Amino acid sequence: MPEQGGLLSERSTRAGDVAVIGGGVIGLAIAWRAAQRGLRVTVLERDRAGQGTSSYAAGMIAPNAEVTPGEEAVLEFGLRSARLYPEFARELAAAAGVDGVGYTSCGTLMVARDDDEAEALEREFELRTALGLRVERLRSSEARRREPGLAPALRLALDIPDDHAVDPRALTAALATALLGAGGDLREQTAVSAIEASGARVGGVVLEDGTLLNASQVVVAAGVWSPRLEGLPEGAQMPIRPVKGQVMRLHDPAGPGLVNRVLRMGPSYITPRGDGRYVIGATQEERGFDQTVTAGAAFDLLRDAGELLPGVSELVLDEFSAGLRPATPDNLPIIGPGALEGLHWATGHRRGGILLTPVTAELIAGALAGDALPAEAALFAPGRFATARSAA
């Protein structure tokens, strides 16, 4: 980091009350909500807003379908955020002056292709029943009646009506517009290299060109790039790692109707946009920052989708790409105050970034305005990793 005084002091500017590092869906939503509360907010994005992890996401709002044994702790947080989504999407569309953000209450159908998958799906049904979640067990004939495009070989299905979806690209574009309309500032192609500290509190951020932007509060919402920020006290950095996900985007020249619900088959899914566009994904690969796409992944995704939905073979392939999800060692997001006074973390959402956007924005914007975080947010506190390091 450049030293204080001299060139740095000559290149110091004011970012406002809050500097948000990261212009993805989480950072933009926090900034929009904070600007609505009267705070002067500047979002700093290393690339183009919404062009990172957010642009690769399928947009499933699926706390029910995605709950897994051992991760029930985050379930209520996800359900709370899902309940916020209808009003969040409506308010955002109005603020951005657009017709909508691709929000649809399509529901999810979890499906099994063979006996082994059917047995696993029975366990999924029992888990959701035990947790009090709304789920319906369907015979293959009933599943095909609800979704006629499904293959005859289908063995079993679970219908989850409360899971919805949104178009992340439309969502981030609307958030950027709404932020500017609320008086916020969005600076693209502006990479941050370090957090600036003054004693035990944050003083702003340092850009890659050495410019210091003064801000009384800083939010780190930089996803997989968060650990590259310098200037934090030793041991205060968060353990974020990238998890690669390859994903396909396709469209049906005949328009919508091939499938109306999100289909989930094991780790794979097909997400309809409701207008003839579909997203098929996604792999989960521990390959660092590698974003190459592979023939093997394309084959696996299309094979799994085609076995359940034969009409997939007639779709037009528009895009095949790979994104990087920010993951933590315990698979829970990092949300809350950091080691420095005025520093806030909002990262590590892994595959749940789109789902958890409204509730994360609500919590962090509230904290920026001086509100206390609710007790249940302690589960996601950054300090849990500092505690773990001290114990080790």
Protein backbone atom coordinates (compact mmCIF):
# COMPACT_ATOMS: atom_id res chain seq x y z
CA MET A 1 0.00 0.00 0.00
CA PRO A 2 1.32 3.50 -0.75
CA GLU A 3 2.52 5.44 2.29
CA GLN A 4 0.52 8.26 3.82
CA GLY A 5 1.35 11.76 2.65
CA GLY A 6 3.08 12.87 -0.54
CA LEU A 7 1.50 11.52 -3.70
CA LEU A 8 -1.24 9.65 -1.85
CA SER A 9 -2.48 12.71 -0.02
CA GLU A 10 -2.54 14.67 -3.27
CA ARG A 11 -4.67 11.95 -4.84
CA SER A 12 -7.13 11.56 -2.01
CA THR A 13 -10.82 11.99 -2.79
CA ARG A 14 -14.05 11.50 -0.92
CA ALA A 15 -16.15 8.40 -1.72
CA GLY A 16 -19.01 9.43 0.56
CA ASP A 17 -20.26 7.80 3.73
CA VAL A 18 -19.88 4.25 2.39
CA ALA A 19 -17.57 2.57 -0.13
CA VAL A 20 -18.85 -0.79 -1.38
CA ILE A 21 -16.20 -3.01 -2.94
CA GLY A 22 -17.86 -5.17 -5.58
CA GLY A 23 -20.57 -4.39 -8.13
CA GLY A 24 -22.25 -7.78 -8.21
CA VAL A 25 -25.80 -8.45 -7.09
CA ILE A 26 -24.91 -8.37 -3.37
CA GLY A 27 -22.87 -5.17 -3.51
CA LEU A 28 -25.39 -3.35 -5.69
CA ALA A 29 -28.34 -4.37 -3.52
CA ILE A 30 -26.59 -3.23 -0.34
CA ALA A 31 -25.66 0.08 -1.95
CA TRP A 32 -29.20 0.67 -3.22
CA ARG A 33 -30.74 -0.03 0.19
CA ALA A 34 -28.13 2.14 1.92
CA ALA A 35 -28.75 5.01 -0.51
CA GLN A 36 -32.47 4.74 0.22
CA ARG A 37 -31.60 5.34 3.87
CA GLY A 38 -29.91 8.62 2.97
CA LEU A 39 -26.30 7.44 3.00
CA ARG A 40 -23.86 8.64 0.33
CA VAL A 41 -22.69 5.42 -1.30
CA THR A 42 -20.03 4.64 -3.89
CA VAL A 43 -19.77 1.19 -5.49
CA LEU A 44 -16.33 0.25 -6.81
CA GLU A 45 -16.31 -2.54 -9.41
CA ARG A 46 -13.10 -3.97 -10.88
CA ASP A 47 -14.84 -4.85 -14.17
CA ARG A 48 -18.37 -4.04 -15.33
CA ALA A 49 -21.21 -4.10 -12.82
CA GLY A 50 -22.96 -7.46 -12.73
CA GLN A 51 -20.49 -9.11 -15.11
CA GLY A 52 -18.81 -11.38 -12.55
CA THR A 53 -20.31 -14.27 -10.62
CA SER A 54 -23.80 -12.74 -10.77
CA SER A 55 -23.91 -12.96 -14.57
CA TYR A 56 -23.33 -16.73 -14.54
CA ALA A 57 -25.98 -17.55 -11.92
CA ALA A 58 -29.16 -19.38 -12.92
CA GLY A 59 -31.23 -17.34 -10.48
CA MET A 60 -33.01 -20.02 -8.50
CA ILE A 61 -34.72 -18.79 -5.33
CA ALA A 62 -34.89 -22.26 -3.85
CA PRO A 63 -34.28 -22.58 -0.10
CA ASN A 64 -36.52 -25.66 -0.03
CA ALA A 65 -34.96 -27.54 -2.93
CA GLU A 66 -31.41 -26.67 -1.90
CA VAL A 67 -31.55 -27.62 1.77
CA THR A 68 -29.18 -30.50 2.48
CA PRO A 69 -28.39 -32.48 5.64
CA GLY A 70 -25.91 -30.54 7.76
CA GLU A 71 -26.84 -27.16 6.24
CA GLU A 72 -30.22 -26.68 7.88
CA ALA A 73 -28.77 -23.73 9.80
CA VAL A 74 -29.01 -21.47 6.78
CA LEU A 75 -32.51 -22.65 5.85
CA GLU A 76 -34.49 -20.05 7.83
CA PHE A 77 -32.25 -17.30 6.50
CA GLY A 78 -33.00 -18.47 2.96
CA LEU A 79 -36.73 -18.77 3.62
CA ARG A 80 -36.78 -15.24 5.03
CA SER A 81 -35.04 -13.91 1.94
CA ALA A 82 -37.41 -15.81 -0.36
CA ARG A 83 -40.37 -14.22 1.42
CA LEU A 84 -38.85 -10.79 0.77
CA TYR A 85 -38.39 -11.40 -2.95
CA PRO A 86 -41.84 -10.58 -4.40
CA GLU A 87 -41.91 -7.09 -2.87
CA PHE A 88 -38.17 -6.63 -3.43
CA ALA A 89 -38.57 -7.41 -7.16
CA ARG A 90 -41.65 -5.18 -7.48
CA GLU A 91 -40.02 -2.22 -5.70
CA LEU A 92 -36.80 -2.62 -7.67
CA ALA A 93 -38.57 -2.73 -11.04
CA ALA A 94 -40.46 0.45 -10.14
CA ALA A 95 -37.29 2.21 -8.99
CA ALA A 96 -35.42 1.21 -12.15
CA GLY A 97 -38.34 2.07 -14.44
CA VAL A 98 -38.48 -1.41 -16.02
CA ASP A 99 -41.34 -3.86 -16.52
CA GLY A 100 -39.72 -6.49 -14.31
CA VAL A 101 -36.54 -8.32 -13.33
CA GLY A 102 -37.49 -11.75 -14.60
CA TYR A 103 -39.04 -12.84 -11.31
CA THR A 104 -41.33 -15.86 -11.68
CA SER A 105 -43.10 -18.11 -9.17
CA CYS A 106 -42.42 -21.20 -11.28
CA GLY A 107 -41.81 -23.78 -8.53
CA THR A 108 -39.33 -26.66 -8.58
CA LEU A 109 -39.66 -30.29 -9.60
CA MET A 110 -37.01 -32.60 -8.15
CA VAL A 111 -36.86 -35.74 -10.30
CA ALA A 112 -35.39 -39.24 -10.31
CA ARG A 113 -34.42 -41.21 -13.41
CA ASP A 114 -33.74 -44.65 -11.91
CA ASP A 115 -34.23 -46.69 -8.76
CA ASP A 116 -31.12 -45.37 -7.02
CA GLU A 117 -32.15 -41.76 -7.63
CA ALA A 118 -35.71 -42.56 -6.55
CA GLU A 119 -34.39 -43.95 -3.26
CA ALA A 120 -32.33 -40.81 -2.74
CA LEU A 121 -35.38 -38.68 -3.57
CA GLU A 122 -37.40 -40.49 -0.88
CA ARG A 123 -34.79 -39.35 1.63
CA GLU A 124 -35.10 -35.82 0.29
CA PHE A 125 -38.86 -36.03 0.84
CA GLU A 126 -38.40 -37.23 4.43
CA LEU A 127 -35.92 -34.41 5.17
CA ARG A 128 -38.30 -31.72 3.96
CA THR A 129 -41.26 -33.27 5.74
CA ALA A 130 -39.28 -33.36 8.99
CA LEU A 131 -38.37 -29.68 8.55
CA GLY A 132 -42.00 -28.70 7.95
CA LEU A 133 -41.39 -27.60 4.36
CA ARG A 134 -44.12 -27.76 1.74
CA VAL A 135 -43.42 -30.67 -0.63
CA GLU A 136 -45.57 -33.12 -2.61
CA ARG A 137 -44.50 -36.60 -3.66
CA LEU A 138 -45.57 -37.38 -7.24
CA ARG A 139 -45.80 -40.58 -9.21
CA SER A 140 -44.19 -40.39 -12.62
CA SER A 141 -47.57 -40.20 -14.37
CA GLU A 142 -48.65 -37.18 -12.31
CA ALA A 143 -45.29 -35.46 -12.80
CA ARG A 144 -45.62 -35.90 -16.56
CA ARG A 145 -49.17 -34.58 -16.47
CA ARG A 146 -47.87 -31.38 -14.85
CA GLU A 147 -44.84 -31.21 -17.14
CA PRO A 148 -45.68 -33.07 -20.38
CA GLY A 149 -42.17 -32.63 -21.78
CA LEU A 150 -40.67 -35.04 -19.24
CA ALA A 151 -39.33 -38.39 -20.45
CA PRO A 152 -41.40 -41.58 -19.88
CA ALA A 153 -38.46 -43.12 -17.98
CA LEU A 154 -39.05 -40.78 -15.03
CA ARG A 155 -39.43 -42.81 -11.79
CA LEU A 156 -40.41 -40.31 -9.10
CA ALA A 157 -40.70 -36.55 -8.50
CA LEU A 158 -41.11 -34.04 -5.70
CA ASP A 159 -43.11 -30.88 -6.40
CA ILE A 160 -41.94 -27.83 -4.43
CA PRO A 161 -44.29 -24.95 -5.28
CA ASP A 162 -42.76 -22.26 -3.06
CA ASP A 163 -39.38 -22.17 -4.83
CA HIS A 164 -39.17 -19.39 -7.41
CA ALA A 165 -36.61 -17.90 -9.83
CA VAL A 166 -35.32 -14.59 -11.14
CA ASP A 167 -33.14 -13.48 -14.06
CA PRO A 168 -29.84 -12.39 -12.42
CA ARG A 169 -28.75 -10.31 -15.40
CA ALA A 170 -31.98 -8.35 -15.40
CA LEU A 171 -31.73 -8.09 -11.61
CA THR A 172 -28.22 -6.59 -11.57
CA ALA A 173 -29.01 -4.18 -14.42
CA ALA A 174 -32.06 -2.92 -12.52
CA LEU A 175 -30.05 -2.59 -9.29
CA ALA A 176 -27.42 -0.46 -11.02
CA THR A 177 -30.10 1.84 -12.43
CA ALA A 178 -31.96 2.02 -9.11
CA LEU A 179 -28.74 2.84 -7.26
CA LEU A 180 -28.02 5.80 -9.51
CA GLY A 181 -31.63 6.93 -9.22
CA ALA A 182 -31.32 6.89 -5.42
CA GLY A 183 -28.29 9.16 -5.58
CA GLY A 184 -25.57 6.51 -5.36
CA ASP A 185 -22.34 6.44 -7.36
CA LEU A 186 -21.18 3.49 -9.46
CA ARG A 187 -17.57 3.40 -10.63
CA GLU A 188 -16.78 0.59 -13.05
CA GLN A 189 -13.30 -0.49 -14.17
CA THR A 190 -12.14 0.69 -10.74
CA ALA A 191 -10.21 -1.98 -8.87
CA VAL A 192 -9.52 -1.69 -5.15
CA SER A 193 -6.17 -2.94 -3.90
CA ALA A 194 -6.40 -2.31 -0.16
CA ILE A 195 -8.46 -1.28 2.82
CA GLU A 196 -7.20 1.97 4.36
CA ALA A 197 -7.10 1.90 8.17
CA SER A 198 -6.63 4.64 10.70
CA GLY A 199 -5.85 2.97 13.98
CA ALA A 200 -8.61 0.49 14.81
CA ARG A 201 -11.12 1.85 12.32
CA VAL A 202 -11.48 1.93 8.58
CA GLY A 203 -10.64 5.13 6.74
CA GLY A 204 -11.51 4.23 3.17
CA VAL A 205 -10.00 2.22 0.32
CA VAL A 206 -6.93 2.46 -1.89
CA LEU A 207 -7.40 1.95 -5.63
CA GLU A 208 -4.90 0.09 -7.80
CA ASP A 209 -3.61 3.42 -9.17
CA GLY A 210 -2.79 4.57 -5.62
CA THR A 211 -5.73 6.90 -5.16
CA LEU A 212 -7.16 6.96 -1.65
CA LEU A 213 -10.95 7.19 -1.41
CA ASN A 214 -11.95 8.31 2.06
CA ALA A 215 -15.06 6.69 3.52
CA SER A 216 -16.23 6.25 7.08
CA GLN A 217 -17.58 2.77 6.32
CA VAL A 218 -16.49 0.08 3.85
CA VAL A 219 -18.41 -3.00 2.68
CA VAL A 220 -16.47 -5.91 1.20
CA ALA A 221 -18.77 -7.60 -1.32
CA ALA A 222 -16.07 -8.63 -3.77
CA GLY A 223 -16.90 -12.34 -3.90
CA VAL A 224 -13.94 -14.55 -4.81
CA TRP A 225 -11.70 -11.49 -5.06
CA SER A 226 -12.23 -10.50 -1.41
CA PRO A 227 -9.10 -12.24 -0.02
CA ARG A 228 -6.86 -10.24 -2.38
CA LEU A 229 -7.54 -7.01 -0.51
CA GLU A 230 -4.54 -5.79 1.47
CA GLY A 231 -4.38 -3.53 4.51
CA LEU A 232 -6.31 -5.65 7.00
CA PRO A 233 -4.83 -6.61 10.38
CA GLU A 234 -3.08 -9.98 10.47
CA GLY A 235 -5.61 -12.80 10.77
CA ALA A 236 -8.56 -10.60 9.81
CA GLN A 237 -8.83 -11.71 6.18
CA MET A 238 -11.70 -14.05 5.34
CA PRO A 239 -11.11 -17.59 3.95
CA ILE A 240 -12.93 -17.32 0.61
CA ARG A 241 -12.15 -19.73 -2.22
CA PRO A 242 -13.56 -19.96 -5.77
CA VAL A 243 -15.72 -22.92 -6.81
CA LYS A 244 -16.03 -23.19 -10.57
CA GLY A 245 -19.40 -23.77 -12.19
CA GLN A 246 -19.90 -24.39 -15.92
CA VAL A 247 -23.31 -23.40 -17.20
CA MET A 248 -25.22 -23.28 -20.51
CA ARG A 249 -27.77 -20.79 -21.81
CA LEU A 250 -30.13 -21.86 -24.57
CA HIS A 251 -33.38 -20.77 -26.20
CA ASP A 252 -36.29 -22.45 -27.98
CA PRO A 253 -37.13 -20.85 -31.35
CA ALA A 254 -40.70 -22.07 -30.82
CA GLY A 255 -41.02 -19.98 -27.65
CA PRO A 256 -41.81 -20.99 -24.05
CA GLY A 257 -43.51 -24.19 -22.93
CA LEU A 258 -40.93 -26.96 -23.04
CA VAL A 259 -40.91 -26.92 -19.23
CA ASN A 260 -42.45 -24.43 -16.80
CA ARG A 261 -40.87 -25.44 -13.49
CA VAL A 262 -37.23 -25.60 -12.52
CA LEU A 263 -36.12 -29.21 -12.93
CA ARG A 264 -33.49 -30.51 -10.52
CA MET A 265 -31.82 -33.87 -11.12
CA GLY A 266 -29.12 -34.46 -8.53
CA PRO A 267 -26.58 -31.64 -8.79
CA SER A 268 -27.85 -30.50 -12.21
CA TYR A 269 -30.83 -28.30 -13.09
CA ILE A 270 -32.82 -26.75 -15.92
CA THR A 271 -34.15 -23.27 -15.16
CA PRO A 272 -36.79 -21.75 -17.46
CA ARG A 273 -36.92 -18.01 -17.88
CA GLY A 274 -40.57 -18.12 -18.90
CA ASP A 275 -39.93 -16.67 -22.36
CA GLY A 276 -38.34 -19.60 -24.20
CA ARG A 277 -34.88 -19.19 -22.65
CA TYR A 278 -33.34 -21.86 -20.41
CA VAL A 279 -30.28 -22.23 -18.21
CA ILE A 280 -28.69 -25.67 -17.73
CA GLY A 281 -26.06 -26.16 -15.06
CA ALA A 282 -23.92 -26.41 -13.20
CA THR A 283 -20.71 -28.18 -12.36
CA GLN A 284 -18.97 -27.74 -9.00
CA GLU A 285 -15.21 -27.83 -9.45
CA GLU A 286 -12.36 -26.94 -7.11
CA ARG A 287 -10.04 -25.50 -9.76
CA GLY A 288 -9.04 -22.14 -8.36
CA PHE A 289 -9.61 -19.23 -10.71
CA ASP A 290 -9.79 -21.35 -13.86
CA GLN A 291 -12.79 -20.32 -15.98
CA THR A 292 -12.24 -22.47 -19.04
CA VAL A 293 -15.15 -24.54 -20.35
CA THR A 294 -14.71 -28.20 -21.20
CA ALA A 295 -16.25 -30.69 -23.62
CA GLY A 296 -16.74 -33.18 -20.80
CA ALA A 297 -18.83 -30.76 -18.75
CA ALA A 298 -20.92 -29.86 -21.81
CA PHE A 299 -21.55 -33.54 -22.52
CA ASP A 300 -22.54 -34.31 -18.92
CA LEU A 301 -24.90 -31.34 -18.63
CA LEU A 302 -26.67 -32.06 -21.91
CA ARG A 303 -26.86 -35.79 -21.22
CA ASP A 304 -28.43 -35.31 -17.79
CA ALA A 305 -30.88 -32.72 -19.11
CA GLY A 306 -31.77 -34.72 -22.22
CA GLU A 307 -32.50 -37.91 -20.31
CA LEU A 308 -35.23 -36.07 -18.41
CA LEU A 309 -36.35 -33.55 -20.99
CA PRO A 310 -35.77 -34.93 -24.51
CA GLY A 311 -36.79 -31.63 -26.13
CA VAL A 312 -33.55 -30.09 -24.87
CA SER A 313 -31.82 -31.48 -27.98
CA GLU A 314 -33.82 -29.04 -30.15
CA LEU A 315 -32.81 -25.94 -28.22
CA VAL A 316 -30.35 -23.41 -29.64
CA LEU A 317 -27.14 -23.02 -27.63
CA ASP A 318 -26.49 -19.32 -26.98
CA GLU A 319 -23.70 -19.41 -24.42
CA PHE A 320 -21.47 -21.86 -22.57
CA SER A 321 -19.43 -20.27 -19.81
CA ALA A 322 -17.94 -20.78 -16.36
CA GLY A 323 -18.35 -18.64 -13.25
CA LEU A 324 -16.68 -18.66 -9.84
CA ARG A 325 -18.79 -18.98 -6.69
CA PRO A 326 -17.31 -17.58 -3.46
CA ALA A 327 -17.27 -20.39 -0.88
CA THR A 328 -16.25 -20.59 2.79
CA PRO A 329 -14.92 -23.55 4.81
CA ASP A 330 -18.29 -24.08 6.55
CA ASN A 331 -20.41 -23.30 3.45
CA LEU A 332 -22.12 -20.38 5.22
CA PRO A 333 -21.95 -16.78 4.01
CA ILE A 334 -19.93 -14.11 5.79
CA ILE A 335 -22.20 -11.24 6.80
CA GLY A 336 -21.49 -8.61 9.43
CA PRO A 337 -18.84 -6.34 10.99
CA GLY A 338 -15.15 -7.03 10.47
CA ALA A 339 -12.03 -6.57 12.56
CA LEU A 340 -11.92 -2.80 11.96
CA GLU A 341 -14.62 -0.43 13.13
CA GLY A 342 -16.66 0.61 10.11
CA LEU A 343 -15.73 -2.49 8.06
CA HIS A 344 -18.53 -4.83 6.97
CA TRP A 345 -18.37 -8.16 5.12
CA ALA A 346 -20.99 -9.48 2.71
CA THR A 347 -19.46 -12.35 0.78
CA GLY A 348 -19.03 -16.14 0.70
CA HIS A 349 -22.62 -16.84 -0.43
CA ARG A 350 -21.47 -19.75 -2.63
CA ARG A 351 -24.48 -20.96 -4.68
CA GLY A 352 -26.96 -18.86 -2.66
CA GLY A 353 -26.01 -15.33 -3.67
CA ILE A 354 -29.12 -14.60 -5.70
CA LEU A 355 -31.42 -16.18 -3.11
CA LEU A 356 -29.87 -14.28 -0.20
CA THR A 357 -29.64 -10.88 -1.90
CA PRO A 358 -32.69 -9.19 -0.30
CA VAL A 359 -31.96 -10.29 3.26
CA THR A 360 -28.22 -9.58 3.02
CA ALA A 361 -28.93 -6.10 1.68
CA GLU A 362 -31.45 -5.50 4.44
CA LEU A 363 -29.02 -6.53 7.19
CA ILE A 364 -25.93 -4.70 5.94
CA ALA A 365 -27.77 -1.52 4.95
CA GLY A 366 -29.31 -1.51 8.41
CA ALA A 367 -25.91 -1.94 10.03
CA LEU A 368 -24.50 0.91 7.94
CA ALA A 369 -27.33 3.11 9.21
CA GLY A 370 -26.60 2.16 12.81
CA ASP A 371 -29.09 -0.67 13.36
CA ALA A 372 -28.02 -3.68 15.42
CA LEU A 373 -27.87 -6.99 13.59
CA PRO A 374 -30.44 -9.53 14.78
CA ALA A 375 -29.24 -12.33 17.03
CA GLU A 376 -29.69 -14.97 14.33
CA ALA A 377 -27.14 -13.19 12.13
CA ALA A 378 -24.40 -14.26 14.56
CA LEU A 379 -24.27 -17.54 12.65
CA PHE A 380 -22.70 -15.68 9.71
CA ALA A 381 -20.41 -13.36 11.69
CA PRO A 382 -16.89 -12.92 10.26
CA GLY A 383 -15.45 -13.42 13.72
CA ARG A 384 -16.18 -17.13 13.63
CA PHE A 385 -13.11 -17.67 11.45
CA ALA A 386 -10.87 -15.54 13.67
CA THR A 387 -12.03 -17.69 16.60
CA ALA A 388 -11.26 -20.86 14.67
CA ARG A 389 -7.76 -19.62 13.79
CA SER A 390 -7.06 -18.71 17.41
CA ALA A 391 -8.16 -22.16 18.57
CA ALA A 392 -5.96 -23.82 15.97
